[in-house]
C-alpha cells in the first residue's frame, strides 16, 4: 500500500486556501492513500466558531476530490453542533466515508478540553488488505488505547499539530508505540509557524520493529512510502502480545484506586 504523508504549512483558520492546496497535492499524487495533519484545513485552533461545522462542508469537499482523482484521503476537521465541538479525523475513498474518529483525549494543557469534548470509541477500517485505526495527536501519550486498537489493527495512523518544543517526545513515543504494539505507525504532522506556534514536521512511517522507514524534514512537503502487509508474520515470530495479562492489569488498577 502506497501511503503519502502530506506535511503542510497550514494557513491558520483559512479553509478555502488550505483546501485549494490539498486539491493540488491530491491531484498530483501517485499514492493509494494520502494523509493530512490534524485539523488539516484550519490548523489547531480553539476558536470553534470559525473552524467548526455541522453541514459536512469539509467532508463533502474531500469526497469530491476522492472521486475526481480516484484517491483515498485521511483528513482532520472540527464537528460542532453543541456548545463543545469534536476534533475529528475522517477517511474517504471514492466518495464514501471509510472511517470517522473523534479524538478521545482533548489536550487540556492548551485548553482544548474547554472547547472540545472527547470521543468515546475507536474505529478500525479495512483498506487494501490492511486494518487501519486512526488516532489524533495527544492520543499518542496514552499507550492503553494503542494496545486496544492494535488488537485488530495492523496500521495505526496519527495525525497531529505537534509543536517543535516537544519534538523529541514525538519521535520517541512514536517509536515506542510501534514497538509495543508490533504494528506500523504512520504519523503526519504540520510544519511552520501556524497560529503563533512553531511546528517541526517530522512526519514519519515506522515499522513494527521500531525502524523509521521514512521521515520528512522540517519543511513543507510530501513523501510516499510503500508498506507491506507483514505484521502478522512479525507478531508470530515474536509473540509478546500473547503474554499480556489484561484482566490482571484491570484488577491491579482497581486495587490501586481503593
Protein backbone atom coordinates (compact mmCIF):
# COMPACT_ATOMS: atom_id res chain seq x y z
CA UNK A 1 0.00 0.00 0.00
CA UNK A 2 1.42 3.36 -1.05
CA UNK A 3 0.81 5.97 1.65
CA UNK A 4 1.52 9.66 1.10
CA UNK A 5 2.23 11.85 4.11
CA UNK A 6 1.23 15.45 3.37
CA UNK A 7 3.21 17.63 5.78
CA UNK A 8 1.64 21.02 5.18
CA UNK A 9 2.26 24.53 6.44
CA UNK A 10 -1.40 25.19 7.24
CA UNK A 11 -2.76 28.68 6.66
CA UNK A 12 -4.36 29.28 10.04
CA UNK A 13 -8.17 29.28 10.12
CA UNK A 14 -8.46 29.55 6.33
CA UNK A 15 -10.33 26.53 4.95
CA UNK A 16 -10.64 27.85 1.41
CA UNK A 17 -6.92 28.32 0.78
CA UNK A 18 -5.94 25.11 2.57
CA UNK A 19 -8.47 23.08 0.59
CA UNK A 20 -7.06 24.53 -2.64
CA UNK A 21 -3.59 23.43 -1.55
CA UNK A 22 -4.94 19.98 -0.66
CA UNK A 23 -6.59 19.54 -4.05
CA UNK A 24 -3.33 20.40 -5.78
CA UNK A 25 -1.50 17.77 -3.71
CA UNK A 26 -4.19 15.12 -4.26
CA UNK A 27 -4.39 15.76 -8.00
CA UNK A 28 -0.65 15.12 -8.42
CA UNK A 29 -0.37 12.14 -6.08
CA UNK A 30 0.96 8.74 -7.17
CA UNK A 31 -0.13 7.07 -3.92
CA UNK A 32 -3.11 4.93 -2.93
CA UNK A 33 -3.97 6.98 0.13
CA UNK A 34 -2.99 10.46 1.35
CA UNK A 35 -2.85 11.59 4.98
CA UNK A 36 -3.11 15.22 6.07
CA UNK A 37 -2.41 16.58 9.61
CA UNK A 38 -4.86 17.14 12.45
CA UNK A 39 -7.35 19.97 11.73
CA UNK A 40 -5.98 19.77 8.20
CA UNK A 41 -7.55 22.88 6.71
CA UNK A 42 -7.66 25.28 9.66
CA UNK A 43 -4.68 24.42 11.84
CA UNK A 44 -5.10 23.75 15.54
CA UNK A 45 -7.47 26.34 16.99
CA UNK A 46 -9.85 26.53 19.92
CA UNK A 47 -11.93 29.09 18.01
CA UNK A 48 -14.62 26.59 17.06
CA UNK A 49 -16.96 29.36 15.90
CA UNK A 50 -14.60 29.71 12.92
CA UNK A 51 -13.33 26.14 12.49
CA UNK A 52 -16.44 24.18 13.49
CA UNK A 53 -19.07 22.91 11.08
CA UNK A 54 -22.25 20.83 11.20
CA UNK A 55 -23.03 20.62 7.47
CA UNK A 56 -20.21 18.25 6.43
CA UNK A 57 -18.69 21.01 4.29
CA UNK A 58 -15.15 19.63 4.56
CA UNK A 59 -16.19 16.00 4.19
CA UNK A 60 -18.13 16.81 1.03
CA UNK A 61 -15.17 18.70 -0.44
CA UNK A 62 -12.80 15.78 0.16
CA UNK A 63 -15.38 13.28 -1.09
CA UNK A 64 -15.48 15.21 -4.36
CA UNK A 65 -11.67 15.20 -4.58
CA UNK A 66 -11.56 11.45 -3.88
CA UNK A 67 -13.94 10.80 -6.77
CA UNK A 68 -12.29 13.24 -9.18
CA UNK A 69 -8.75 11.96 -8.57
CA UNK A 70 -9.54 8.35 -7.55
CA UNK A 71 -7.71 8.58 -4.22
CA UNK A 72 -8.37 7.71 -0.60
CA UNK A 73 -7.77 10.64 1.76
CA UNK A 74 -7.42 11.00 5.53
CA UNK A 75 -8.05 14.47 6.94
CA UNK A 76 -8.90 16.33 10.14
CA UNK A 77 -11.79 18.71 10.74
CA UNK A 78 -13.96 20.14 13.54
CA UNK A 79 -17.53 18.97 14.08
CA UNK A 80 -19.78 21.28 16.09
CA UNK A 81 -23.48 21.10 16.88
CA UNK A 82 -23.36 21.76 20.63
CA UNK A 83 -21.50 24.20 22.86
CA UNK A 84 -18.45 21.94 22.73
CA UNK A 85 -17.05 20.68 19.43
CA UNK A 86 -15.34 17.41 18.49
CA UNK A 87 -11.92 17.02 16.90
CA UNK A 88 -12.42 14.51 14.07
CA UNK A 89 -10.26 12.56 11.64
CA UNK A 90 -12.03 11.01 8.66
CA UNK A 91 -11.04 8.73 5.80
CA UNK A 92 -12.90 8.82 2.48
CA UNK A 93 -12.48 6.86 -0.75
CA UNK A 94 -14.46 7.08 -3.99
CA UNK A 95 -16.91 9.45 -2.34
CA UNK A 96 -17.59 7.16 0.63
CA UNK A 97 -16.65 7.58 4.29
CA UNK A 98 -14.45 4.65 5.35
CA UNK A 99 -13.96 5.77 8.95
CA UNK A 100 -14.63 8.72 11.24
CA UNK A 101 -12.85 9.07 14.59
CA UNK A 102 -13.40 11.67 17.32
CA UNK A 103 -10.26 12.44 19.36
CA UNK A 104 -10.57 10.71 22.74
CA UNK A 105 -8.10 12.91 24.62
CA UNK A 106 -8.52 16.70 24.24
CA UNK A 107 -5.24 18.46 25.10
CA UNK A 108 -6.03 20.09 28.46
CA UNK A 109 -2.60 21.78 28.63
CA UNK A 110 -3.68 24.05 25.76
CA UNK A 111 -7.29 24.38 26.95
CA UNK A 112 -8.64 22.14 24.19
CA UNK A 113 -10.85 20.38 26.76
CA UNK A 114 -12.68 23.67 27.41
CA UNK A 115 -13.87 23.83 23.79
CA UNK A 116 -13.87 20.19 22.72
CA UNK A 117 -15.41 17.08 24.21
CA UNK A 118 -13.57 13.78 23.89
CA UNK A 119 -14.78 10.87 21.81
CA UNK A 120 -15.61 7.55 23.42
CA UNK A 121 -14.83 4.95 20.78
CA UNK A 122 -12.18 3.69 18.39
CA UNK A 123 -12.77 2.99 14.72
CA UNK A 124 -10.96 0.45 12.56
CA UNK A 125 -11.47 0.01 8.84
CA UNK A 126 -10.23 -2.25 6.05
CA UNK A 127 -8.27 -0.82 3.14
CA UNK A 128 -6.28 -2.83 0.58
CA UNK A 129 -5.93 -5.75 2.99
CA UNK A 130 -4.81 -3.61 5.94
CA UNK A 131 -6.78 -2.90 9.10
CA UNK A 132 -6.26 0.76 9.95
CA UNK A 133 -7.05 2.67 13.16
CA UNK A 134 -6.85 6.49 13.18
CA UNK A 135 -5.79 8.39 16.31
CA UNK A 136 -5.04 12.08 16.84
CA UNK A 137 -2.08 13.99 18.34
CA UNK A 138 -2.34 13.95 22.18
CA UNK A 139 -3.67 10.38 21.99
CA UNK A 140 -0.01 9.43 21.45
CA UNK A 141 0.68 9.90 25.17
CA UNK A 142 -1.86 7.23 26.18
CA UNK A 143 -0.47 3.77 25.33
CA UNK A 144 -3.57 1.95 26.54
CA UNK A 145 -5.68 2.90 23.52
CA UNK A 146 -2.89 1.81 21.17
CA UNK A 147 -2.95 -1.63 22.77
CA UNK A 148 -6.71 -1.81 22.30
CA UNK A 149 -6.55 -0.63 18.69
CA UNK A 150 -3.68 -2.93 17.75
CA UNK A 151 -5.60 -5.98 18.91
CA UNK A 152 -7.29 -5.71 15.50
CA UNK A 153 -5.37 -3.04 13.57
CA UNK A 154 -2.00 -3.62 11.92
CA UNK A 155 -1.65 0.07 10.99
CA UNK A 156 -2.28 2.97 13.35
CA UNK A 157 -2.29 6.47 11.88
CA UNK A 158 -1.63 9.54 13.99
CA UNK A 159 -2.50 12.99 12.65
CA UNK A 160 -1.11 15.86 14.68
CA UNK A 161 -0.32 19.51 15.21
CA UNK A 162 2.68 18.67 17.41
CA UNK A 163 4.90 21.63 18.39
CA UNK A 164 8.64 21.78 17.81
CA UNK A 165 9.22 22.38 21.53
CA UNK A 166 8.34 18.73 22.20
CA UNK A 167 9.69 17.11 19.04
CA UNK A 168 11.88 14.63 20.93
CA UNK A 169 8.77 13.36 22.73
CA UNK A 170 7.13 12.93 19.32
CA UNK A 171 9.95 10.85 17.87
CA UNK A 172 10.46 8.74 20.99
CA UNK A 173 6.79 7.98 21.65
CA UNK A 174 6.07 7.10 18.02
CA UNK A 175 8.86 4.51 18.01
CA UNK A 176 7.72 3.17 21.37
CA UNK A 177 4.14 2.73 20.15
CA UNK A 178 5.31 0.84 17.06
CA UNK A 179 7.49 -1.49 19.14
CA UNK A 180 4.94 -2.03 21.93
CA UNK A 181 2.08 -2.80 19.56
CA UNK A 182 4.04 -4.54 16.80
CA UNK A 183 2.32 -2.56 14.08
CA UNK A 184 3.01 0.20 11.59
CA UNK A 185 2.74 3.73 12.95
CA UNK A 186 2.01 6.31 10.26
CA UNK A 187 2.36 9.81 11.71
CA UNK A 188 1.68 13.07 9.88
CA UNK A 189 2.38 16.47 11.43
CA UNK A 190 2.11 20.04 10.18
CA UNK A 191 5.13 22.31 9.82
CA UNK A 192 5.98 26.00 10.13
CA UNK A 193 4.64 28.86 12.26
CA UNK A 194 0.88 28.38 12.49
CA UNK A 195 -1.30 30.40 14.84
CA UNK A 196 1.79 31.64 16.69
CA UNK A 197 3.21 28.16 17.33
CA UNK A 198 6.24 26.55 15.67
CA UNK A 199 5.67 23.04 14.33
CA UNK A 200 8.67 20.91 13.37
CA UNK A 201 7.12 18.40 10.98
CA UNK A 202 8.99 15.10 11.40
CA UNK A 203 6.16 13.15 9.78
CA UNK A 204 7.23 9.53 9.51
CA UNK A 205 6.48 5.87 8.87
CA UNK A 206 7.73 3.37 11.47
CA UNK A 207 7.60 -0.41 11.08
CA UNK A 208 6.67 -2.97 13.79
CA UNK A 209 10.33 -3.33 14.76
CA UNK A 210 10.57 0.39 15.52
CA UNK A 211 12.64 1.20 12.43
CA UNK A 212 11.95 4.56 10.81
CA UNK A 213 11.28 3.73 7.16
CA UNK A 214 10.99 7.35 6.12
CA UNK A 215 10.83 10.75 7.83
CA UNK A 216 10.24 14.21 6.42
CA UNK A 217 12.44 17.12 7.44
CA UNK A 218 11.35 20.43 8.94
CA UNK A 219 9.99 21.77 5.65
CA UNK A 220 6.66 21.56 3.91
CA UNK A 221 6.47 18.58 1.60
CA UNK A 222 5.23 15.06 0.95
CA UNK A 223 6.68 11.57 0.97
CA UNK A 224 5.24 8.32 -0.37
CA UNK A 225 6.04 5.13 1.50
CA UNK A 226 5.12 1.63 0.30
CA UNK A 227 4.39 -0.72 3.22
CA UNK A 228 3.91 -4.49 3.20
CA UNK A 229 1.20 -6.44 4.97
CA UNK A 230 3.71 -8.33 7.14
CA UNK A 231 2.55 -7.51 10.67
CA UNK A 232 1.01 -10.95 11.32
CA UNK A 233 4.30 -12.65 10.43
CA UNK A 234 6.25 -10.33 12.71
CA UNK A 235 3.88 -10.94 15.61
CA UNK A 236 4.06 -14.69 15.07
CA UNK A 237 7.86 -14.66 15.24
CA UNK A 238 7.96 -12.51 18.40
CA UNK A 239 4.59 -13.08 20.13
CA UNK A 240 4.78 -10.71 23.09
CA UNK A 241 1.10 -9.81 22.74
CA UNK A 242 0.24 -13.36 23.78
CA UNK A 243 1.85 -12.72 27.17
CA UNK A 244 -0.21 -9.67 28.11
CA UNK A 245 -2.37 -10.13 31.23
CA UNK A 246 -5.17 -7.67 30.60
CA UNK A 247 -7.50 -9.00 33.30
CA UNK A 248 -4.73 -8.74 35.89
CA UNK A 249 -3.87 -5.20 34.82
CA UNK A 250 -7.51 -4.15 35.27
CA UNK A 251 -7.65 -5.80 38.69
CA UNK A 252 -4.42 -4.14 39.82
CA UNK A 253 -5.61 -0.77 38.56
CA UNK A 254 -8.85 -1.06 40.54
CA UNK A 255 -6.98 -2.11 43.69
CA UNK A 256 -4.67 0.89 43.44
CA UNK A 257 -7.72 3.16 43.30
CA UNK A 258 -9.12 1.74 46.56
